Amino acid sequence: MFGFKIYCSILCCSHFDKTMNITAIYPGTFDPVTNGHIDIIARASRIYHKVIVAVAVNSNKSPLFEITQRVDLLQQVTADFENVSIIGFDNLLVDCAKQQGASVILRGLRAISDFEYEFQLAGMNRRLSPDLETMFLTPAEQYEFISSSMIKEIARLGGDVSSFVPEIVQHQLFKKFNRG
């Protein structure tokens, strides 16, 4: 417990001056990127020296946007964050993290229902790569309920997604669904 308190103190200090050279990797499919994702990225960019947003190919899902489109959208909406970079990946996350020099895997938790899956994933990643730590951030309250799946469904049905995604993402969603 004492070590945890020290790490938290160090982490809090890095929030203010980023003297620790910690690189965090924030993986996901980001199909599409939401304001909740951007909130996590913005806060992580204030905590960590470098944040790598890693866009997963994920062959288990049928994404609406190709990986190149998702990477491009993320690059556009994070352009103002100097210490954030966007990459695509199709290998094990722990391998990607090592290749990128990341020592922290950053995961977002929206609701308690996310916790069990994320906890299992963190345990598996720790087993595969004991040197990688998983840190969790929760989005701001106004973004807790947002999911990419819900956004796609709302957009598909012609609903207003303007308060859930950046404007450029909204335009791309409407374009995909022939709505604008």
N, C-alpha and C. Protein backbone atom coordinates (compact mmCIF):
# COMPACT_ATOMS: atom_id res chain seq x y z
N MET A 1 0.82 -1.20 0.00
CA MET A 1 0.00 0.00 0.00
C MET A 1 0.86 1.26 0.00
N PHE A 2 1.98 1.22 0.73
CA PHE A 2 2.86 2.37 0.79
C PHE A 2 3.39 2.72 -0.60
N GLY A 3 3.79 1.70 -1.38
CA GLY A 3 4.27 1.92 -2.73
C GLY A 3 3.21 2.55 -3.61
N PHE A 4 1.97 2.14 -3.43
CA PHE A 4 0.86 2.70 -4.20
C PHE A 4 0.69 4.19 -3.90
N LYS A 5 0.80 4.57 -2.63
CA LYS A 5 0.68 5.97 -2.24
C LYS A 5 1.79 6.81 -2.86
N ILE A 6 2.99 6.28 -2.87
CA ILE A 6 4.12 7.00 -3.48
C ILE A 6 3.85 7.17 -4.97
N TYR A 7 3.42 6.10 -5.64
CA TYR A 7 3.17 6.18 -7.08
C TYR A 7 2.07 7.20 -7.37
N CYS A 8 1.03 7.22 -6.54
CA CYS A 8 -0.04 8.20 -6.74
C CYS A 8 0.49 9.62 -6.56
N SER A 9 1.35 9.81 -5.56
CA SER A 9 1.92 11.13 -5.35
C SER A 9 2.77 11.56 -6.54
N ILE A 10 3.57 10.63 -7.05
CA ILE A 10 4.38 10.93 -8.22
C ILE A 10 3.50 11.23 -9.42
N LEU A 11 2.46 10.43 -9.60
CA LEU A 11 1.55 10.62 -10.71
C LEU A 11 0.87 11.99 -10.62
N CYS A 12 0.45 12.37 -9.41
CA CYS A 12 -0.19 13.68 -9.25
C CYS A 12 0.78 14.80 -9.57
N CYS A 13 2.04 14.66 -9.17
CA CYS A 13 3.03 15.69 -9.50
C CYS A 13 3.23 15.78 -11.00
N SER A 14 3.24 14.63 -11.68
CA SER A 14 3.45 14.66 -13.14
C SER A 14 2.29 15.37 -13.83
N HIS A 15 1.15 15.42 -13.18
CA HIS A 15 -0.01 16.14 -13.73
C HIS A 15 0.33 17.62 -13.91
N PHE A 16 1.12 18.15 -13.02
CA PHE A 16 1.41 19.57 -13.06
C PHE A 16 2.63 19.93 -13.90
N ASP A 17 3.67 19.13 -13.84
CA ASP A 17 4.88 19.52 -14.55
C ASP A 17 5.41 18.48 -15.53
N LYS A 18 4.83 17.34 -15.56
CA LYS A 18 5.24 16.26 -16.47
C LYS A 18 6.74 15.99 -16.42
N THR A 19 7.34 16.10 -15.23
CA THR A 19 8.78 15.85 -15.12
C THR A 19 9.10 14.38 -15.34
N MET A 20 8.15 13.53 -15.07
CA MET A 20 8.35 12.11 -15.34
C MET A 20 8.11 11.86 -16.82
N ASN A 21 8.98 11.14 -17.42
CA ASN A 21 8.89 10.89 -18.85
C ASN A 21 8.09 9.61 -19.11
N ILE A 22 6.80 9.63 -18.78
CA ILE A 22 5.95 8.46 -18.92
C ILE A 22 5.15 8.57 -20.21
N THR A 23 5.21 7.50 -20.99
CA THR A 23 4.41 7.42 -22.21
C THR A 23 3.25 6.47 -21.93
N ALA A 24 2.05 6.94 -22.23
CA ALA A 24 0.85 6.12 -22.07
C ALA A 24 0.28 5.81 -23.44
N ILE A 25 -0.29 4.62 -23.56
CA ILE A 25 -0.95 4.23 -24.81
C ILE A 25 -2.44 4.03 -24.50
N TYR A 26 -3.28 4.65 -25.30
CA TYR A 26 -4.73 4.60 -25.12
C TYR A 26 -5.31 3.85 -26.32
N PRO A 27 -5.59 2.55 -26.15
CA PRO A 27 -6.07 1.75 -27.28
C PRO A 27 -7.59 1.76 -27.39
N GLY A 28 -8.06 1.51 -28.59
CA GLY A 28 -9.50 1.37 -28.81
C GLY A 28 -9.78 1.29 -30.30
N THR A 29 -11.02 1.01 -30.62
CA THR A 29 -11.40 0.98 -32.03
C THR A 29 -11.78 2.38 -32.51
N PHE A 30 -12.30 3.20 -31.61
CA PHE A 30 -12.65 4.59 -31.92
C PHE A 30 -13.49 4.66 -33.20
N ASP A 31 -14.56 3.89 -33.22
CA ASP A 31 -15.41 3.78 -34.41
C ASP A 31 -16.84 4.22 -34.12
N PRO A 32 -17.07 5.52 -34.06
CA PRO A 32 -16.18 6.65 -34.27
C PRO A 32 -15.66 7.20 -32.95
N VAL A 33 -14.70 8.11 -33.05
CA VAL A 33 -14.21 8.82 -31.88
C VAL A 33 -15.34 9.70 -31.36
N THR A 34 -15.51 9.72 -30.04
CA THR A 34 -16.57 10.49 -29.40
C THR A 34 -15.98 11.60 -28.53
N ASN A 35 -16.84 12.47 -28.05
CA ASN A 35 -16.38 13.50 -27.11
C ASN A 35 -15.87 12.88 -25.81
N GLY A 36 -16.39 11.72 -25.45
CA GLY A 36 -15.89 11.00 -24.27
C GLY A 36 -14.45 10.57 -24.47
N HIS A 37 -14.13 10.04 -25.66
CA HIS A 37 -12.75 9.67 -25.97
C HIS A 37 -11.85 10.90 -25.90
N ILE A 38 -12.31 11.98 -26.46
CA ILE A 38 -11.50 13.20 -26.50
C ILE A 38 -11.29 13.74 -25.09
N ASP A 39 -12.28 13.62 -24.24
CA ASP A 39 -12.14 14.03 -22.85
C ASP A 39 -11.03 13.22 -22.17
N ILE A 40 -11.02 11.92 -22.38
CA ILE A 40 -9.97 11.06 -21.80
C ILE A 40 -8.60 11.46 -22.37
N ILE A 41 -8.52 11.67 -23.68
CA ILE A 41 -7.26 12.05 -24.32
C ILE A 41 -6.76 13.39 -23.76
N ALA A 42 -7.65 14.35 -23.63
CA ALA A 42 -7.27 15.68 -23.12
C ALA A 42 -6.72 15.57 -21.70
N ARG A 43 -7.40 14.82 -20.85
CA ARG A 43 -6.93 14.71 -19.47
C ARG A 43 -5.64 13.91 -19.37
N ALA A 44 -5.53 12.87 -20.19
CA ALA A 44 -4.29 12.08 -20.21
C ALA A 44 -3.12 12.93 -20.69
N SER A 45 -3.37 13.81 -21.64
CA SER A 45 -2.28 14.65 -22.16
C SER A 45 -1.75 15.61 -21.10
N ARG A 46 -2.54 15.89 -20.07
CA ARG A 46 -2.08 16.75 -18.97
C ARG A 46 -1.34 15.94 -17.91
N ILE A 47 -1.53 14.64 -17.91
CA ILE A 47 -0.91 13.77 -16.89
C ILE A 47 0.40 13.17 -17.39
N TYR A 48 0.39 12.69 -18.63
CA TYR A 48 1.53 11.95 -19.16
C TYR A 48 2.36 12.80 -20.11
N HIS A 49 3.63 12.50 -20.14
CA HIS A 49 4.56 13.21 -21.02
C HIS A 49 4.17 13.02 -22.48
N LYS A 50 3.78 11.79 -22.83
CA LYS A 50 3.37 11.48 -24.19
C LYS A 50 2.18 10.52 -24.14
N VAL A 51 1.20 10.76 -25.01
CA VAL A 51 0.04 9.88 -25.11
C VAL A 51 -0.06 9.40 -26.55
N ILE A 52 -0.08 8.09 -26.70
CA ILE A 52 -0.25 7.48 -28.02
C ILE A 52 -1.65 6.90 -28.07
N VAL A 53 -2.45 7.40 -28.98
CA VAL A 53 -3.79 6.85 -29.19
C VAL A 53 -3.64 5.77 -30.25
N ALA A 54 -3.89 4.54 -29.87
CA ALA A 54 -3.66 3.38 -30.74
C ALA A 54 -5.00 2.85 -31.25
N VAL A 55 -5.23 3.00 -32.53
CA VAL A 55 -6.48 2.60 -33.15
C VAL A 55 -6.35 1.14 -33.59
N ALA A 56 -7.18 0.30 -33.02
CA ALA A 56 -7.12 -1.14 -33.28
C ALA A 56 -7.89 -1.52 -34.54
N VAL A 57 -7.31 -2.44 -35.28
CA VAL A 57 -8.00 -3.00 -36.45
C VAL A 57 -9.21 -3.79 -35.97
N ASN A 58 -9.03 -4.68 -35.01
CA ASN A 58 -10.06 -5.52 -34.39
C ASN A 58 -10.90 -6.27 -35.42
N SER A 59 -10.40 -7.41 -35.83
CA SER A 59 -11.08 -8.24 -36.82
C SER A 59 -12.35 -8.89 -36.27
N ASN A 60 -12.60 -8.80 -34.96
CA ASN A 60 -13.83 -9.34 -34.37
C ASN A 60 -15.03 -8.43 -34.56
N LYS A 61 -14.78 -7.20 -34.98
CA LYS A 61 -15.85 -6.24 -35.19
C LYS A 61 -15.90 -5.87 -36.67
N SER A 62 -17.05 -5.38 -37.09
CA SER A 62 -17.18 -4.84 -38.44
C SER A 62 -17.31 -3.33 -38.31
N PRO A 63 -16.18 -2.63 -38.39
CA PRO A 63 -16.22 -1.19 -38.16
C PRO A 63 -16.94 -0.44 -39.28
N LEU A 64 -17.55 0.66 -38.92
CA LEU A 64 -18.20 1.54 -39.88
C LEU A 64 -17.15 2.25 -40.72
N PHE A 65 -16.08 2.70 -40.06
CA PHE A 65 -15.00 3.42 -40.72
C PHE A 65 -13.77 2.53 -40.83
N GLU A 66 -13.10 2.61 -41.97
CA GLU A 66 -11.83 1.90 -42.14
C GLU A 66 -10.82 2.46 -41.16
N ILE A 67 -9.79 1.69 -40.86
CA ILE A 67 -8.79 2.14 -39.89
C ILE A 67 -8.12 3.44 -40.32
N THR A 68 -7.88 3.61 -41.61
CA THR A 68 -7.24 4.86 -42.07
C THR A 68 -8.14 6.06 -41.81
N GLN A 69 -9.45 5.87 -41.95
CA GLN A 69 -10.39 6.96 -41.67
C GLN A 69 -10.42 7.28 -40.18
N ARG A 70 -10.40 6.24 -39.35
CA ARG A 70 -10.43 6.45 -37.90
C ARG A 70 -9.17 7.15 -37.42
N VAL A 71 -8.02 6.74 -37.96
CA VAL A 71 -6.76 7.40 -37.61
C VAL A 71 -6.80 8.86 -38.06
N ASP A 72 -7.27 9.10 -39.28
CA ASP A 72 -7.35 10.47 -39.80
C ASP A 72 -8.27 11.35 -38.96
N LEU A 73 -9.44 10.85 -38.60
CA LEU A 73 -10.37 11.62 -37.78
C LEU A 73 -9.74 11.96 -36.42
N LEU A 74 -9.09 10.98 -35.82
CA LEU A 74 -8.43 11.23 -34.54
C LEU A 74 -7.30 12.24 -34.67
N GLN A 75 -6.54 12.16 -35.75
CA GLN A 75 -5.47 13.15 -35.95
C GLN A 75 -6.05 14.55 -36.06
N GLN A 76 -7.17 14.67 -36.73
CA GLN A 76 -7.79 15.99 -36.89
C GLN A 76 -8.32 16.54 -35.57
N VAL A 77 -9.00 15.69 -34.80
CA VAL A 77 -9.62 16.20 -33.56
C VAL A 77 -8.64 16.33 -32.40
N THR A 78 -7.43 15.79 -32.54
CA THR A 78 -6.43 15.93 -31.48
C THR A 78 -5.25 16.80 -31.91
N ALA A 79 -5.39 17.48 -33.03
CA ALA A 79 -4.29 18.29 -33.59
C ALA A 79 -3.75 19.33 -32.61
N ASP A 80 -4.56 19.81 -31.68
CA ASP A 80 -4.13 20.84 -30.74
C ASP A 80 -3.35 20.28 -29.55
N PHE A 81 -3.30 18.97 -29.41
CA PHE A 81 -2.57 18.35 -28.31
C PHE A 81 -1.16 18.01 -28.78
N GLU A 82 -0.18 18.78 -28.33
CA GLU A 82 1.20 18.63 -28.79
C GLU A 82 1.83 17.29 -28.42
N ASN A 83 1.41 16.70 -27.32
CA ASN A 83 2.04 15.47 -26.86
C ASN A 83 1.21 14.22 -27.16
N VAL A 84 0.28 14.34 -28.10
CA VAL A 84 -0.57 13.20 -28.49
C VAL A 84 -0.26 12.81 -29.92
N SER A 85 -0.06 11.51 -30.12
CA SER A 85 0.12 11.00 -31.48
C SER A 85 -0.87 9.86 -31.71
N ILE A 86 -1.19 9.63 -32.97
CA ILE A 86 -2.19 8.63 -33.34
C ILE A 86 -1.51 7.58 -34.22
N ILE A 87 -1.74 6.31 -33.90
CA ILE A 87 -1.24 5.22 -34.72
C ILE A 87 -2.33 4.18 -34.91
N GLY A 88 -2.19 3.37 -35.93
CA GLY A 88 -3.03 2.20 -36.10
C GLY A 88 -2.22 0.98 -35.71
N PHE A 89 -2.89 -0.08 -35.24
CA PHE A 89 -2.15 -1.31 -34.92
C PHE A 89 -3.04 -2.52 -35.13
N ASP A 90 -2.38 -3.66 -35.43
CA ASP A 90 -3.12 -4.90 -35.63
C ASP A 90 -2.41 -6.08 -34.97
N ASN A 91 -1.61 -5.79 -33.95
CA ASN A 91 -0.94 -6.85 -33.19
C ASN A 91 -1.41 -6.80 -31.75
N LEU A 92 -0.80 -7.60 -30.89
CA LEU A 92 -1.15 -7.57 -29.48
C LEU A 92 -0.87 -6.19 -28.90
N LEU A 93 -1.76 -5.72 -28.07
CA LEU A 93 -1.59 -4.41 -27.46
C LEU A 93 -0.28 -4.32 -26.70
N VAL A 94 0.07 -5.35 -25.95
CA VAL A 94 1.31 -5.30 -25.17
C VAL A 94 2.53 -5.18 -26.08
N ASP A 95 2.48 -5.82 -27.24
CA ASP A 95 3.58 -5.71 -28.20
C ASP A 95 3.63 -4.31 -28.80
N CYS A 96 2.47 -3.78 -29.14
CA CYS A 96 2.40 -2.42 -29.67
C CYS A 96 2.93 -1.42 -28.64
N ALA A 97 2.52 -1.59 -27.39
CA ALA A 97 2.97 -0.69 -26.32
C ALA A 97 4.49 -0.73 -26.20
N LYS A 98 5.07 -1.92 -26.23
CA LYS A 98 6.53 -2.05 -26.14
C LYS A 98 7.20 -1.36 -27.33
N GLN A 99 6.67 -1.59 -28.53
CA GLN A 99 7.23 -0.98 -29.74
C GLN A 99 7.21 0.54 -29.65
N GLN A 100 6.20 1.09 -28.99
CA GLN A 100 6.03 2.54 -28.89
C GLN A 100 6.72 3.13 -27.65
N GLY A 101 7.29 2.28 -26.81
CA GLY A 101 7.96 2.75 -25.61
C GLY A 101 7.00 3.17 -24.50
N ALA A 102 5.79 2.64 -24.51
CA ALA A 102 4.80 2.99 -23.49
C ALA A 102 4.99 2.12 -22.25
N SER A 103 4.80 2.70 -21.10
CA SER A 103 4.87 1.95 -19.85
C SER A 103 3.51 1.89 -19.15
N VAL A 104 2.54 2.60 -19.71
CA VAL A 104 1.20 2.63 -19.14
C VAL A 104 0.18 2.40 -20.25
N ILE A 105 -0.77 1.50 -19.97
CA ILE A 105 -1.94 1.33 -20.83
C ILE A 105 -3.05 2.12 -20.18
N LEU A 106 -3.64 3.00 -20.93
CA LEU A 106 -4.71 3.85 -20.42
C LEU A 106 -6.04 3.30 -20.92
N ARG A 107 -6.97 3.14 -20.00
CA ARG A 107 -8.30 2.64 -20.37
C ARG A 107 -9.36 3.57 -19.76
N GLY A 108 -10.43 3.75 -20.50
CA GLY A 108 -11.54 4.55 -20.01
C GLY A 108 -12.61 3.66 -19.41
N LEU A 109 -13.18 4.10 -18.32
CA LEU A 109 -14.30 3.40 -17.68
C LEU A 109 -15.50 4.33 -17.66
N ARG A 110 -16.57 3.95 -18.35
CA ARG A 110 -17.77 4.78 -18.35
C ARG A 110 -18.70 4.43 -17.21
N ALA A 111 -18.88 3.15 -16.98
CA ALA A 111 -19.85 2.71 -15.98
C ALA A 111 -19.31 1.47 -15.28
N ILE A 112 -19.94 1.11 -14.21
CA ILE A 112 -19.52 -0.06 -13.45
C ILE A 112 -19.58 -1.31 -14.33
N SER A 113 -20.46 -1.33 -15.31
CA SER A 113 -20.58 -2.49 -16.20
C SER A 113 -19.31 -2.69 -17.03
N ASP A 114 -18.53 -1.65 -17.27
CA ASP A 114 -17.27 -1.77 -17.99
C ASP A 114 -16.18 -2.42 -17.14
N PHE A 115 -16.32 -2.31 -15.82
CA PHE A 115 -15.23 -2.67 -14.93
C PHE A 115 -14.81 -4.13 -15.03
N GLU A 116 -15.75 -5.06 -15.03
CA GLU A 116 -15.38 -6.48 -15.03
C GLU A 116 -14.54 -6.84 -16.25
N TYR A 117 -14.98 -6.43 -17.43
CA TYR A 117 -14.22 -6.69 -18.65
C TYR A 117 -12.85 -6.03 -18.59
N GLU A 118 -12.81 -4.77 -18.21
CA GLU A 118 -11.55 -4.03 -18.16
C GLU A 118 -10.60 -4.61 -17.12
N PHE A 119 -11.14 -5.09 -16.01
CA PHE A 119 -10.34 -5.71 -14.97
C PHE A 119 -9.69 -6.99 -15.50
N GLN A 120 -10.45 -7.81 -16.22
CA GLN A 120 -9.92 -9.04 -16.81
C GLN A 120 -8.85 -8.71 -17.85
N LEU A 121 -9.12 -7.72 -18.67
CA LEU A 121 -8.17 -7.30 -19.69
C LEU A 121 -6.86 -6.81 -19.06
N ALA A 122 -6.97 -6.02 -18.01
CA ALA A 122 -5.78 -5.52 -17.31
C ALA A 122 -4.97 -6.67 -16.73
N GLY A 123 -5.66 -7.66 -16.17
CA GLY A 123 -4.97 -8.84 -15.63
C GLY A 123 -4.24 -9.62 -16.71
N MET A 124 -4.89 -9.79 -17.85
CA MET A 124 -4.27 -10.52 -18.95
C MET A 124 -3.06 -9.75 -19.48
N ASN A 125 -3.20 -8.44 -19.65
CA ASN A 125 -2.07 -7.63 -20.13
C ASN A 125 -0.91 -7.67 -19.14
N ARG A 126 -1.21 -7.66 -17.85
CA ARG A 126 -0.16 -7.73 -16.83
C ARG A 126 0.55 -9.08 -16.90
N ARG A 127 -0.21 -10.12 -17.16
CA ARG A 127 0.38 -11.47 -17.27
C ARG A 127 1.30 -11.55 -18.50
N LEU A 128 0.86 -10.93 -19.60
CA LEU A 128 1.65 -10.96 -20.84
C LEU A 128 2.87 -10.04 -20.77
N SER A 129 2.74 -8.95 -20.02
CA SER A 129 3.83 -7.97 -19.93
C SER A 129 3.80 -7.31 -18.55
N PRO A 130 4.48 -7.93 -17.57
CA PRO A 130 4.44 -7.42 -16.19
C PRO A 130 4.94 -5.99 -16.02
N ASP A 131 5.72 -5.48 -16.95
CA ASP A 131 6.25 -4.12 -16.83
C ASP A 131 5.24 -3.04 -17.22
N LEU A 132 4.15 -3.44 -17.87
CA LEU A 132 3.12 -2.47 -18.27
C LEU A 132 2.08 -2.34 -17.17
N GLU A 133 1.77 -1.11 -16.81
CA GLU A 133 0.71 -0.84 -15.84
C GLU A 133 -0.53 -0.38 -16.58
N THR A 134 -1.69 -0.73 -16.06
CA THR A 134 -2.95 -0.24 -16.62
C THR A 134 -3.52 0.79 -15.68
N MET A 135 -3.86 1.94 -16.24
CA MET A 135 -4.49 3.02 -15.47
C MET A 135 -5.86 3.29 -16.07
N PHE A 136 -6.81 3.60 -15.21
CA PHE A 136 -8.17 3.86 -15.66
C PHE A 136 -8.53 5.32 -15.43
N LEU A 137 -9.19 5.90 -16.40
CA LEU A 137 -9.75 7.25 -16.26
C LEU A 137 -11.23 7.17 -16.58
N THR A 138 -12.00 7.94 -15.88
CA THR A 138 -13.43 8.02 -16.20
C THR A 138 -13.67 9.34 -16.92
N PRO A 139 -14.59 9.32 -17.87
CA PRO A 139 -14.88 10.57 -18.58
C PRO A 139 -15.67 11.52 -17.70
N ALA A 140 -15.71 12.77 -18.09
CA ALA A 140 -16.54 13.75 -17.39
C ALA A 140 -17.99 13.27 -17.41
N GLU A 141 -18.76 13.71 -16.42
CA GLU A 141 -20.14 13.24 -16.24
C GLU A 141 -20.98 13.32 -17.51
N GLN A 142 -20.83 14.39 -18.28
CA GLN A 142 -21.68 14.55 -19.45
C GLN A 142 -21.37 13.54 -20.56
N TYR A 143 -20.27 12.79 -20.41
CA TYR A 143 -19.89 11.81 -21.43
C TYR A 143 -19.98 10.37 -20.95
N GLU A 144 -20.38 10.15 -19.70
CA GLU A 144 -20.40 8.80 -19.12
C GLU A 144 -21.25 7.81 -19.90
N PHE A 145 -22.29 8.25 -20.52
CA PHE A 145 -23.24 7.34 -21.17
C PHE A 145 -22.97 7.16 -22.66
N ILE A 146 -22.02 7.88 -23.20
CA ILE A 146 -21.77 7.86 -24.64
C ILE A 146 -20.97 6.61 -25.02
N SER A 147 -21.44 5.92 -26.05
CA SER A 147 -20.67 4.82 -26.63
C SER A 147 -20.70 4.97 -28.14
N SER A 148 -19.64 4.51 -28.78
CA SER A 148 -19.57 4.58 -30.24
C SER A 148 -20.74 3.84 -30.89
N SER A 149 -21.13 2.71 -30.30
CA SER A 149 -22.25 1.93 -30.85
C SER A 149 -23.55 2.74 -30.84
N MET A 150 -23.80 3.41 -29.73
CA MET A 150 -25.01 4.23 -29.64
C MET A 150 -24.97 5.38 -30.64
N ILE A 151 -23.80 5.99 -30.78
CA ILE A 151 -23.65 7.11 -31.71
C ILE A 151 -23.97 6.66 -33.13
N LYS A 152 -23.44 5.51 -33.52
CA LYS A 152 -23.68 4.99 -34.87
C LYS A 152 -25.17 4.73 -35.10
N GLU A 153 -25.83 4.20 -34.10
CA GLU A 153 -27.26 3.90 -34.24
C GLU A 153 -28.08 5.18 -34.34
N ILE A 154 -27.77 6.15 -33.52
CA ILE A 154 -28.48 7.44 -33.57
C ILE A 154 -28.28 8.08 -34.94
N ALA A 155 -27.03 8.10 -35.41
CA ALA A 155 -26.73 8.71 -36.71
C ALA A 155 -27.42 7.94 -37.84
N ARG A 156 -27.42 6.62 -37.77
CA ARG A 156 -28.05 5.79 -38.80
C ARG A 156 -29.54 6.11 -38.92
N LEU A 157 -30.15 6.41 -37.79
CA LEU A 157 -31.59 6.71 -37.77
C LEU A 157 -31.88 8.20 -37.96
N GLY A 158 -30.85 8.98 -38.26
CA GLY A 158 -31.04 10.39 -38.56
C GLY A 158 -31.12 11.31 -37.35
N GLY A 159 -30.71 10.81 -36.19
CA GLY A 159 -30.75 11.62 -34.98
C GLY A 159 -29.59 12.60 -34.89
N ASP A 160 -29.72 13.53 -33.98
CA ASP A 160 -28.72 14.57 -33.76
C ASP A 160 -27.62 14.05 -32.84
N VAL A 161 -26.41 13.92 -33.35
CA VAL A 161 -25.27 13.46 -32.56
C VAL A 161 -24.29 14.58 -32.26
N SER A 162 -24.69 15.81 -32.52
CA SER A 162 -23.77 16.95 -32.42
C SER A 162 -23.20 17.15 -31.01
N SER A 163 -23.90 16.74 -29.98
CA SER A 163 -23.36 16.93 -28.63
C SER A 163 -22.53 15.73 -28.17
N PHE A 164 -22.41 14.72 -29.01
CA PHE A 164 -21.69 13.50 -28.63
C PHE A 164 -20.36 13.32 -29.35
N VAL A 165 -20.21 13.97 -30.51
CA VAL A 165 -19.00 13.81 -31.33
C VAL A 165 -18.55 15.16 -31.87
N PRO A 166 -17.27 15.27 -32.22
CA PRO A 166 -16.81 16.51 -32.86
C PRO A 166 -17.53 16.71 -34.19
N GLU A 167 -17.60 17.95 -34.64
CA GLU A 167 -18.33 18.29 -35.86
C GLU A 167 -17.86 17.50 -37.08
N ILE A 168 -16.56 17.34 -37.22
CA ILE A 168 -16.04 16.60 -38.37
C ILE A 168 -16.50 15.15 -38.35
N VAL A 169 -16.61 14.56 -37.18
CA VAL A 169 -17.08 13.18 -37.05
C VAL A 169 -18.56 13.12 -37.39
N GLN A 170 -19.32 14.11 -36.94
CA GLN A 170 -20.75 14.16 -37.26
C GLN A 170 -20.94 14.19 -38.78
N HIS A 171 -20.17 15.01 -39.47
CA HIS A 171 -20.28 15.10 -40.93
C HIS A 171 -19.96 13.77 -41.59
N GLN A 172 -18.94 13.09 -41.09
CA GLN A 172 -18.56 11.80 -41.67
C GLN A 172 -19.62 10.73 -41.41
N LEU A 173 -20.24 10.78 -40.24
CA LEU A 173 -21.33 9.84 -39.94
C LEU A 173 -22.52 10.07 -40.87
N PHE A 174 -22.90 11.32 -41.04
CA PHE A 174 -24.02 11.63 -41.92
C PHE A 174 -23.72 11.23 -43.36
N LYS A 175 -22.47 11.41 -43.76
CA LYS A 175 -22.04 11.03 -45.10
C LYS A 175 -22.16 9.50 -45.27
N LYS A 176 -21.72 8.77 -44.27
CA LYS A 176 -21.79 7.30 -44.30
C LYS A 176 -23.23 6.81 -44.44
N PHE A 177 -24.13 7.50 -43.76
CA PHE A 177 -25.52 7.07 -43.75
C PHE A 177 -26.38 7.85 -44.75
N ASN A 178 -25.72 8.54 -45.67
CA ASN A 178 -26.41 9.33 -46.70
C ASN A 178 -27.45 10.29 -46.11
N ARG A 179 -27.03 11.00 -45.06
CA ARG A 179 -27.93 11.91 -44.37
C ARG A 179 -27.49 13.37 -44.48
N GLY A 180 -26.41 13.62 -45.16
CA GLY A 180 -25.96 15.01 -45.19
C GLY A 180 -24.87 15.27 -46.17
